[in-house]
Amino acid sequence: MLSPARSNGRESEFCRSTFTRKIEILEGDALVAEIKGAIREVEVGPGKVVDWYLVPVQTVDEGEMSCELPGHRESGMFVPITVK
């Protein structure tokens, strides 16, 4: 069960159209973690940031990545994306 205070981006057209090279988690300038391999879901705590390095594998003219927890997308937890 996910905490309702977290954002959860699940596999979407965005995830299917990119390959994740790595995800970095920083605290200030210090590297906390570097995650590599197939990523299907990213969970980020409120006010926290991860750097997601991608390689496009197909184009997406008008895609979206959004939180799939109830009420989160409607609260603005989404971002439009374009992969070229």
PDB file of N, CA and C in Angstrom:
ATOM      1  N   MET A   1       0.842  -1.177   0.000  1.00  0.00           N
ATOM      2  CA  MET A   1       0.000   0.000   0.000  1.00  0.00           C
ATOM      3  C   MET A   1       0.886   1.238   0.000  1.00  0.00           C
ATOM      4  N   LEU A   2       0.605   2.181  -0.880  1.00  0.00           N
ATOM      5  CA  LEU A   2       1.385   3.407  -0.969  1.00  0.00           C
ATOM      6  C   LEU A   2       0.873   4.437   0.022  1.00  0.00           C
ATOM      7  N   SER A   3       1.785   5.215   0.532  1.00  0.00           N
ATOM      8  CA  SER A   3       1.390   6.313   1.401  1.00  0.00           C
ATOM      9  C   SER A   3       0.643   7.346   0.578  1.00  0.00           C
ATOM     10  N   PRO A   4      -0.485   7.883   1.063  1.00  0.00           N
ATOM     11  CA  PRO A   4      -1.209   8.895   0.300  1.00  0.00           C
ATOM     12  C   PRO A   4      -0.425  10.193   0.161  1.00  0.00           C
ATOM     13  N   ALA A   5       0.675  10.343   0.895  1.00  0.00           N
ATOM     14  CA  ALA A   5       1.485  11.557   0.805  1.00  0.00           C
ATOM     15  C   ALA A   5       2.543  11.460  -0.284  1.00  0.00           C
ATOM     16  N   ARG A   6       2.545  10.390  -1.046  1.00  0.00           N
ATOM     17  CA  ARG A   6       3.569  10.202  -2.070  1.00  0.00           C
ATOM     18  C   ARG A   6       2.956  10.259  -3.458  1.00  0.00           C
ATOM     19  N   SER A   7       3.787  10.636  -4.411  1.00  0.00           N
ATOM     20  CA  SER A   7       3.373  10.644  -5.813  1.00  0.00           C
ATOM     21  C   SER A   7       3.823   9.343  -6.454  1.00  0.00           C
ATOM     22  N   ASN A   8       2.962   8.747  -7.253  1.00  0.00           N
ATOM     23  CA  ASN A   8       3.258   7.459  -7.847  1.00  0.00           C
ATOM     24  C   ASN A   8       2.988   7.513  -9.343  1.00  0.00           C
ATOM     25  N   GLY A   9       4.055   7.487 -10.166  1.00  0.00           N
ATOM     26  CA  GLY A   9       3.905   7.476 -11.609  1.00  0.00           C
ATOM     27  C   GLY A   9       4.094   6.068 -12.125  1.00  0.00           C
ATOM     28  N   ARG A  10       3.045   5.449 -12.623  1.00  0.00           N
ATOM     29  CA  ARG A  10       3.115   4.071 -13.100  1.00  0.00           C
ATOM     30  C   ARG A  10       3.355   4.023 -14.606  1.00  0.00           C
ATOM     31  N   GLU A  11       3.611   2.811 -15.100  1.00  0.00           N
ATOM     32  CA  GLU A  11       3.885   2.627 -16.511  1.00  0.00           C
ATOM     33  C   GLU A  11       2.796   3.277 -17.352  1.00  0.00           C
ATOM     34  N   SER A  12       3.221   4.037 -18.321  1.00  0.00           N
ATOM     35  CA  SER A  12       2.321   4.767 -19.187  1.00  0.00           C
ATOM     36  C   SER A  12       2.920   4.767 -20.583  1.00  0.00           C
ATOM     37  N   GLU A  13       2.286   5.496 -21.489  1.00  0.00           N
ATOM     38  CA  GLU A  13       2.856   5.657 -22.824  1.00  0.00           C
ATOM     39  C   GLU A  13       4.265   6.232 -22.709  1.00  0.00           C
ATOM     40  N   PHE A  14       4.473   7.128 -21.759  1.00  0.00           N
ATOM     41  CA  PHE A  14       5.787   7.714 -21.513  1.00  0.00           C
ATOM     42  C   PHE A  14       6.821   6.635 -21.207  1.00  0.00           C
ATOM     43  N   CYS A  15       6.523   5.752 -20.285  1.00  0.00           N
ATOM     44  CA  CYS A  15       7.467   4.697 -19.902  1.00  0.00           C
ATOM     45  C   CYS A  15       7.720   3.729 -21.049  1.00  0.00           C
ATOM     46  N   ARG A  16       6.695   3.450 -21.838  1.00  0.00           N
ATOM     47  CA  ARG A  16       6.861   2.522 -22.964  1.00  0.00           C
ATOM     48  C   ARG A  16       7.643   3.139 -24.114  1.00  0.00           C
ATOM     49  N   SER A  17       7.728   4.482 -24.175  1.00  0.00           N
ATOM     50  CA  SER A  17       8.402   5.131 -25.295  1.00  0.00           C
ATOM     51  C   SER A  17       9.822   5.567 -24.950  1.00  0.00           C
ATOM     52  N   THR A  18      10.296   5.240 -23.759  1.00  0.00           N
ATOM     53  CA  THR A  18      11.651   5.609 -23.354  1.00  0.00           C
ATOM     54  C   THR A  18      12.345   4.424 -22.688  1.00  0.00           C
ATOM     55  N   PHE A  19      13.660   4.512 -22.653  1.00  0.00           N
ATOM     56  CA  PHE A  19      14.479   3.561 -21.907  1.00  0.00           C
ATOM     57  C   PHE A  19      15.157   4.354 -20.806  1.00  0.00           C
ATOM     58  N   THR A  20      15.064   3.898 -19.592  1.00  0.00           N
ATOM     59  CA  THR A  20      15.707   4.594 -18.479  1.00  0.00           C
ATOM     60  C   THR A  20      17.179   4.245 -18.443  1.00  0.00           C
ATOM     61  N   ARG A  21      18.018   5.266 -18.591  1.00  0.00           N
ATOM     62  CA  ARG A  21      19.454   5.072 -18.452  1.00  0.00           C
ATOM     63  C   ARG A  21      19.804   4.975 -16.970  1.00  0.00           C
ATOM     64  N   LYS A  22      19.217   5.890 -16.172  1.00  0.00           N
ATOM     65  CA  LYS A  22      19.413   5.842 -14.729  1.00  0.00           C
ATOM     66  C   LYS A  22      18.501   6.858 -14.061  1.00  0.00           C
ATOM     67  N   ILE A  23      18.292   6.685 -12.775  1.00  0.00           N
ATOM     68  CA  ILE A  23      17.619   7.665 -11.933  1.00  0.00           C
ATOM     69  C   ILE A  23      18.595   7.987 -10.808  1.00  0.00           C
ATOM     70  N   GLU A  24      18.797   9.278 -10.573  1.00  0.00           N
ATOM     71  CA  GLU A  24      19.669   9.708  -9.489  1.00  0.00           C
ATOM     72  C   GLU A  24      18.851  10.386  -8.405  1.00  0.00           C
ATOM     73  N   ILE A  25      19.214  10.103  -7.174  1.00  0.00           N
ATOM     74  CA  ILE A  25      18.613  10.767  -6.020  1.00  0.00           C
ATOM     75  C   ILE A  25      19.742  11.504  -5.314  1.00  0.00           C
ATOM     76  N   LEU A  26      19.595  12.815  -5.229  1.00  0.00           N
ATOM     77  CA  LEU A  26      20.611  13.659  -4.623  1.00  0.00           C
ATOM     78  C   LEU A  26      20.077  14.293  -3.353  1.00  0.00           C
ATOM     79  N   GLU A  27      20.967  14.543  -2.422  1.00  0.00           N
ATOM     80  CA  GLU A  27      20.654  15.328  -1.241  1.00  0.00           C
ATOM     81  C   GLU A  27      21.666  16.471  -1.241  1.00  0.00           C
ATOM     82  N   GLY A  28      21.204  17.655  -1.666  1.00  0.00           N
ATOM     83  CA  GLY A  28      22.147  18.738  -1.936  1.00  0.00           C
ATOM     84  C   GLY A  28      22.965  18.338  -3.150  1.00  0.00           C
ATOM     85  N   ASP A  29      24.278  18.372  -3.024  1.00  0.00           N
ATOM     86  CA  ASP A  29      25.161  17.935  -4.114  1.00  0.00           C
ATOM     87  C   ASP A  29      25.617  16.486  -3.948  1.00  0.00           C
ATOM     88  N   ALA A  30      25.225  15.839  -2.847  1.00  0.00           N
ATOM     89  CA  ALA A  30      25.679  14.478  -2.562  1.00  0.00           C
ATOM     90  C   ALA A  30      24.753  13.447  -3.209  1.00  0.00           C
ATOM     91  N   LEU A  31      25.346  12.478  -3.881  1.00  0.00           N
ATOM     92  CA  LEU A  31      24.589  11.386  -4.486  1.00  0.00           C
ATOM     93  C   LEU A  31      24.134  10.427  -3.393  1.00  0.00           C
ATOM     94  N   VAL A  32      22.820  10.230  -3.259  1.00  0.00           N
ATOM     95  CA  VAL A  32      22.259   9.297  -2.283  1.00  0.00           C
ATOM     96  C   VAL A  32      22.102   7.921  -2.921  1.00  0.00           C
ATOM     97  N   ALA A  33      21.598   7.900  -4.169  1.00  0.00           N
ATOM     98  CA  ALA A  33      21.387   6.625  -4.857  1.00  0.00           C
ATOM     99  C   ALA A  33      21.380   6.844  -6.361  1.00  0.00           C
ATOM    100  N   GLU A  34      21.790   5.803  -7.075  1.00  0.00           N
ATOM    101  CA  GLU A  34      21.716   5.777  -8.532  1.00  0.00           C
ATOM    102  C   GLU A  34      21.071   4.447  -8.900  1.00  0.00           C
ATOM    103  N   ILE A  35      19.949   4.500  -9.592  1.00  0.00           N
ATOM    104  CA  ILE A  35      19.172   3.312  -9.924  1.00  0.00           C
ATOM    105  C   ILE A  35      19.250   3.104 -11.430  1.00  0.00           C
ATOM    106  N   LYS A  36      19.545   1.871 -11.848  1.00  0.00           N
ATOM    107  CA  LYS A  36      19.675   1.562 -13.273  1.00  0.00           C
ATOM    108  C   LYS A  36      18.817   0.350 -13.590  1.00  0.00           C
ATOM    109  N   GLY A  37      18.473   0.196 -14.854  1.00  0.00           N
ATOM    110  CA  GLY A  37      17.681  -0.954 -15.281  1.00  0.00           C
ATOM    111  C   GLY A  37      16.269  -0.549 -15.641  1.00  0.00           C
ATOM    112  N   ALA A  38      15.432  -1.532 -15.893  1.00  0.00           N
ATOM    113  CA  ALA A  38      14.050  -1.276 -16.305  1.00  0.00           C
ATOM    114  C   ALA A  38      13.262  -0.668 -15.142  1.00  0.00           C
ATOM    115  N   ILE A  39      12.657   0.469 -15.378  1.00  0.00           N
ATOM    116  CA  ILE A  39      11.865   1.160 -14.361  1.00  0.00           C
ATOM    117  C   ILE A  39      10.430   1.210 -14.854  1.00  0.00           C
ATOM    118  N   ARG A  40       9.512   0.727 -14.075  1.00  0.00           N
ATOM    119  CA  ARG A  40       8.091   0.729 -14.425  1.00  0.00           C
ATOM    120  C   ARG A  40       7.284   1.640 -13.511  1.00  0.00           C
ATOM    121  N   GLU A  41       7.880   2.043 -12.390  1.00  0.00           N
ATOM    122  CA  GLU A  41       7.161   2.866 -11.433  1.00  0.00           C
ATOM    123  C   GLU A  41       8.165   3.683 -10.637  1.00  0.00           C
ATOM    124  N   VAL A  42       7.849   4.950 -10.420  1.00  0.00           N
ATOM    125  CA  VAL A  42       8.701   5.826  -9.617  1.00  0.00           C
ATOM    126  C   VAL A  42       7.834   6.447  -8.534  1.00  0.00           C
ATOM    127  N   GLU A  43       8.275   6.344  -7.308  1.00  0.00           N
ATOM    128  CA  GLU A  43       7.542   6.923  -6.192  1.00  0.00           C
ATOM    129  C   GLU A  43       8.419   8.001  -5.567  1.00  0.00           C
ATOM    130  N   VAL A  44       7.879   9.219  -5.476  1.00  0.00           N
ATOM    131  CA  VAL A  44       8.630  10.363  -4.988  1.00  0.00           C
ATOM    132  C   VAL A  44       7.866  10.994  -3.834  1.00  0.00           C
ATOM    133  N   GLY A  45       8.538  11.220  -2.727  1.00  0.00           N
ATOM    134  CA  GLY A  45       7.904  11.848  -1.569  1.00  0.00           C
ATOM    135  C   GLY A  45       7.576  13.308  -1.837  1.00  0.00           C
ATOM    136  N   PRO A  46       6.653  13.871  -1.067  1.00  0.00           N
ATOM    137  CA  PRO A  46       6.253  15.268  -1.266  1.00  0.00           C
ATOM    138  C   PRO A  46       7.434  16.216  -1.105  1.00  0.00           C
ATOM    139  N   GLY A  47       7.576  17.112  -2.076  1.00  0.00           N
ATOM    140  CA  GLY A  47       8.657  18.093  -2.039  1.00  0.00           C
ATOM    141  C   GLY A  47      10.020  17.540  -2.406  1.00  0.00           C
ATOM    142  N   LYS A  48      10.105  16.264  -2.790  1.00  0.00           N
ATOM    143  CA  LYS A  48      11.381  15.632  -3.142  1.00  0.00           C
ATOM    144  C   LYS A  48      11.542  15.585  -4.654  1.00  0.00           C
ATOM    145  N   VAL A  49      12.769  15.410  -5.116  1.00  0.00           N
ATOM    146  CA  VAL A  49      13.083  15.434  -6.549  1.00  0.00           C
ATOM    147  C   VAL A  49      13.994  14.253  -6.877  1.00  0.00           C
ATOM    148  N   VAL A  50      13.745  13.634  -8.026  1.00  0.00           N
ATOM    149  CA  VAL A  50      14.681  12.668  -8.587  1.00  0.00           C
ATOM    150  C   VAL A  50      15.042  13.144  -9.987  1.00  0.00           C
ATOM    151  N   ASP A  51      16.253  12.856 -10.418  1.00  0.00           N
ATOM    152  CA  ASP A  51      16.685  13.161 -11.786  1.00  0.00           C
ATOM    153  C   ASP A  51      16.596  11.873 -12.581  1.00  0.00           C
ATOM    154  N   TRP A  52      15.767  11.885 -13.644  1.00  0.00           N
ATOM    155  CA  TRP A  52      15.490  10.702 -14.447  1.00  0.00           C
ATOM    156  C   TRP A  52      16.131  10.896 -15.816  1.00  0.00           C
ATOM    157  N   TYR A  53      17.157  10.107 -16.133  1.00  0.00           N
ATOM    158  CA  TYR A  53      17.886  10.201 -17.395  1.00  0.00           C
ATOM    159  C   TYR A  53      17.325   9.179 -18.367  1.00  0.00           C
ATOM    160  N   LEU A  54      16.844   9.657 -19.516  1.00  0.00           N
ATOM    161  CA  LEU A  54      16.105   8.816 -20.457  1.00  0.00           C
ATOM    162  C   LEU A  54      16.774   8.752 -21.825  1.00  0.00           C
ATOM    163  N   VAL A  55      16.495   7.673 -22.529  1.00  0.00           N
ATOM    164  CA  VAL A  55      16.859   7.512 -23.928  1.00  0.00           C
ATOM    165  C   VAL A  55      15.556   7.214 -24.663  1.00  0.00           C
ATOM    166  N   PRO A  56      15.136   8.079 -25.612  1.00  0.00           N
ATOM    167  CA  PRO A  56      13.879   7.809 -26.320  1.00  0.00           C
ATOM    168  C   PRO A  56      14.017   6.607 -27.255  1.00  0.00           C
ATOM    169  N   VAL A  57      12.976   5.770 -27.324  1.00  0.00           N
ATOM    170  CA  VAL A  57      12.966   4.632 -28.241  1.00  0.00           C
ATOM    171  C   VAL A  57      11.839   4.740 -29.262  1.00  0.00           C
ATOM    172  N   GLN A  58      10.907   5.648 -29.039  1.00  0.00           N
ATOM    173  CA  GLN A  58       9.878   5.967 -30.027  1.00  0.00           C
ATOM    174  C   GLN A  58       9.353   7.354 -29.708  1.00  0.00           C
ATOM    175  N   THR A  59       8.751   8.008 -30.682  1.00  0.00           N
ATOM    176  CA  THR A  59       8.262   9.356 -30.450  1.00  0.00           C
ATOM    177  C   THR A  59       6.877   9.339 -29.815  1.00  0.00           C
ATOM    178  N   VAL A  60       6.600  10.381 -29.054  1.00  0.00           N
ATOM    179  CA  VAL A  60       5.277  10.612 -28.470  1.00  0.00           C
ATOM    180  C   VAL A  60       4.998  12.092 -28.678  1.00  0.00           C
ATOM    181  N   ASP A  61       4.006  12.425 -29.505  1.00  0.00           N
ATOM    182  CA  ASP A  61       3.716  13.823 -29.786  1.00  0.00           C
ATOM    183  C   ASP A  61       3.074  14.523 -28.595  1.00  0.00           C
ATOM    184  N   GLU A  62       2.091  13.909 -27.992  1.00  0.00           N
ATOM    185  CA  GLU A  62       1.402  14.516 -26.862  1.00  0.00           C
ATOM    186  C   GLU A  62       1.100  13.443 -25.818  1.00  0.00           C
ATOM    187  N   GLY A  63       2.053  13.170 -24.961  1.00  0.00           N
ATOM    188  CA  GLY A  63       1.866  12.180 -23.910  1.00  0.00           C
ATOM    189  C   GLY A  63       1.712  12.846 -22.563  1.00  0.00           C
ATOM    190  N   GLU A  64       1.612  12.031 -21.542  1.00  0.00           N
ATOM    191  CA  GLU A  64       1.444  12.546 -20.187  1.00  0.00           C
ATOM    192  C   GLU A  64       1.980  11.532 -19.199  1.00  0.00           C
ATOM    193  N   MET A  65       2.564  12.020 -18.129  1.00  0.00           N
ATOM    194  CA  MET A  65       2.919  11.183 -16.997  1.00  0.00           C
ATOM    195  C   MET A  65       2.154  11.742 -15.820  1.00  0.00           C
ATOM    196  N   SER A  66       1.435  10.866 -15.130  1.00  0.00           N
ATOM    197  CA  SER A  66       0.607  11.350 -14.031  1.00  0.00           C
ATOM    198  C   SER A  66       0.620  10.364 -12.877  1.00  0.00           C
ATOM    199  N   CYS A  67       0.252  10.866 -11.716  1.00  0.00           N
ATOM    200  CA  CYS A  67       0.101  10.030 -10.534  1.00  0.00           C
ATOM    201  C   CYS A  67      -1.227   9.295 -10.642  1.00  0.00           C
ATOM    202  N   GLU A  68      -1.211   8.003 -10.371  1.00  0.00           N
ATOM    203  CA  GLU A  68      -2.424   7.207 -10.504  1.00  0.00           C
ATOM    204  C   GLU A  68      -3.127   6.943  -9.174  1.00  0.00           C
ATOM    205  N   LEU A  69      -2.666   7.570  -8.102  1.00  0.00           N
ATOM    206  CA  LEU A  69      -3.373   7.440  -6.836  1.00  0.00           C
ATOM    207  C   LEU A  69      -4.666   8.252  -6.911  1.00  0.00           C
ATOM    208  N   PRO A  70      -5.739   7.784  -6.306  1.00  0.00           N
ATOM    209  CA  PRO A  70      -7.026   8.475  -6.402  1.00  0.00           C
ATOM    210  C   PRO A  70      -6.930   9.947  -5.992  1.00  0.00           C
ATOM    211  N   GLY A  71      -7.426  10.815  -6.887  1.00  0.00           N
ATOM    212  CA  GLY A  71      -7.472  12.241  -6.626  1.00  0.00           C
ATOM    213  C   GLY A  71      -6.188  13.003  -6.901  1.00  0.00           C
ATOM    214  N   HIS A  72      -5.071  12.308  -7.098  1.00  0.00           N
ATOM    215  CA  HIS A  72      -3.799  13.001  -7.274  1.00  0.00           C
ATOM    216  C   HIS A  72      -3.703  13.706  -8.628  1.00  0.00           C
ATOM    217  N   ARG A  73      -4.089  13.021  -9.715  1.00  0.00           N
ATOM    218  CA  ARG A  73      -4.029  13.665 -11.022  1.00  0.00           C
ATOM    219  C   ARG A  73      -4.908  14.907 -11.019  1.00  0.00           C
ATOM    220  N   GLU A  74      -6.095  14.792 -10.445  1.00  0.00           N
ATOM    221  CA  GLU A  74      -7.032  15.908 -10.395  1.00  0.00           C
ATOM    222  C   GLU A  74      -6.483  17.065  -9.548  1.00  0.00           C
ATOM    223  N   SER A  75      -5.546  16.750  -8.657  1.00  0.00           N
ATOM    224  CA  SER A  75      -4.919  17.779  -7.816  1.00  0.00           C
ATOM    225  C   SER A  75      -3.702  18.402  -8.494  1.00  0.00           C
ATOM    226  N   GLY A  76      -3.446  18.010  -9.738  1.00  0.00           N
ATOM    227  CA  GLY A  76      -2.343  18.614 -10.483  1.00  0.00           C
ATOM    228  C   GLY A  76      -1.073  17.796 -10.533  1.00  0.00           C
ATOM    229  N   MET A  77      -1.114  16.530 -10.124  1.00  0.00           N
ATOM    230  CA  MET A  77       0.088  15.702 -10.128  1.00  0.00           C
ATOM    231  C   MET A  77       0.221  14.984 -11.471  1.00  0.00           C
ATOM    232  N   PHE A  78       0.500  15.782 -12.512  1.00  0.00           N
ATOM    233  CA  PHE A  78       0.723  15.258 -13.850  1.00  0.00           C
ATOM    234  C   PHE A  78       1.618  16.232 -14.601  1.00  0.00           C
ATOM    235  N   VAL A  79       2.245  15.744 -15.649  1.00  0.00           N
ATOM    236  CA  VAL A  79       3.084  16.595 -16.482  1.00  0.00           C
ATOM    237  C   VAL A  79       2.923  16.139 -17.931  1.00  0.00           C
ATOM    238  N   PRO A  80       2.699  17.085 -18.861  1.00  0.00           N
ATOM    239  CA  PRO A  80       2.660  16.718 -20.278  1.00  0.00           C
ATOM    240  C   PRO A  80       4.087  16.411 -20.757  1.00  0.00           C
ATOM    241  N   ILE A  81       4.210  15.491 -21.700  1.00  0.00           N
ATOM    242  CA  ILE A  81       5.534  15.128 -22.213  1.00  0.00           C
ATOM    243  C   ILE A  81       5.500  15.038 -23.731  1.00  0.00           C
ATOM    244  N   THR A  82       6.657  15.275 -24.317  1.00  0.00           N
ATOM    245  CA  THR A  82       6.883  15.066 -25.738  1.00  0.00           C
ATOM    246  C   THR A  82       8.219  14.350 -25.855  1.00  0.00           C
ATOM    247  N   VAL A  83       8.259  13.244 -26.582  1.00  0.00           N
ATOM    248  CA  VAL A  83       9.490  12.502 -26.814  1.00  0.00           C
ATOM    249  C   VAL A  83       9.761  12.566 -28.293  1.00  0.00           C
ATOM    250  N   LYS A  84      10.929  13.132 -28.672  1.00  0.00           N
ATOM    251  CA  LYS A  84      11.288  13.260 -30.094  1.00  0.00           C
ATOM    252  C   LYS A  84      12.558  12.516 -30.387  1.00  0.00           C
TER     253      LYS A  84
END
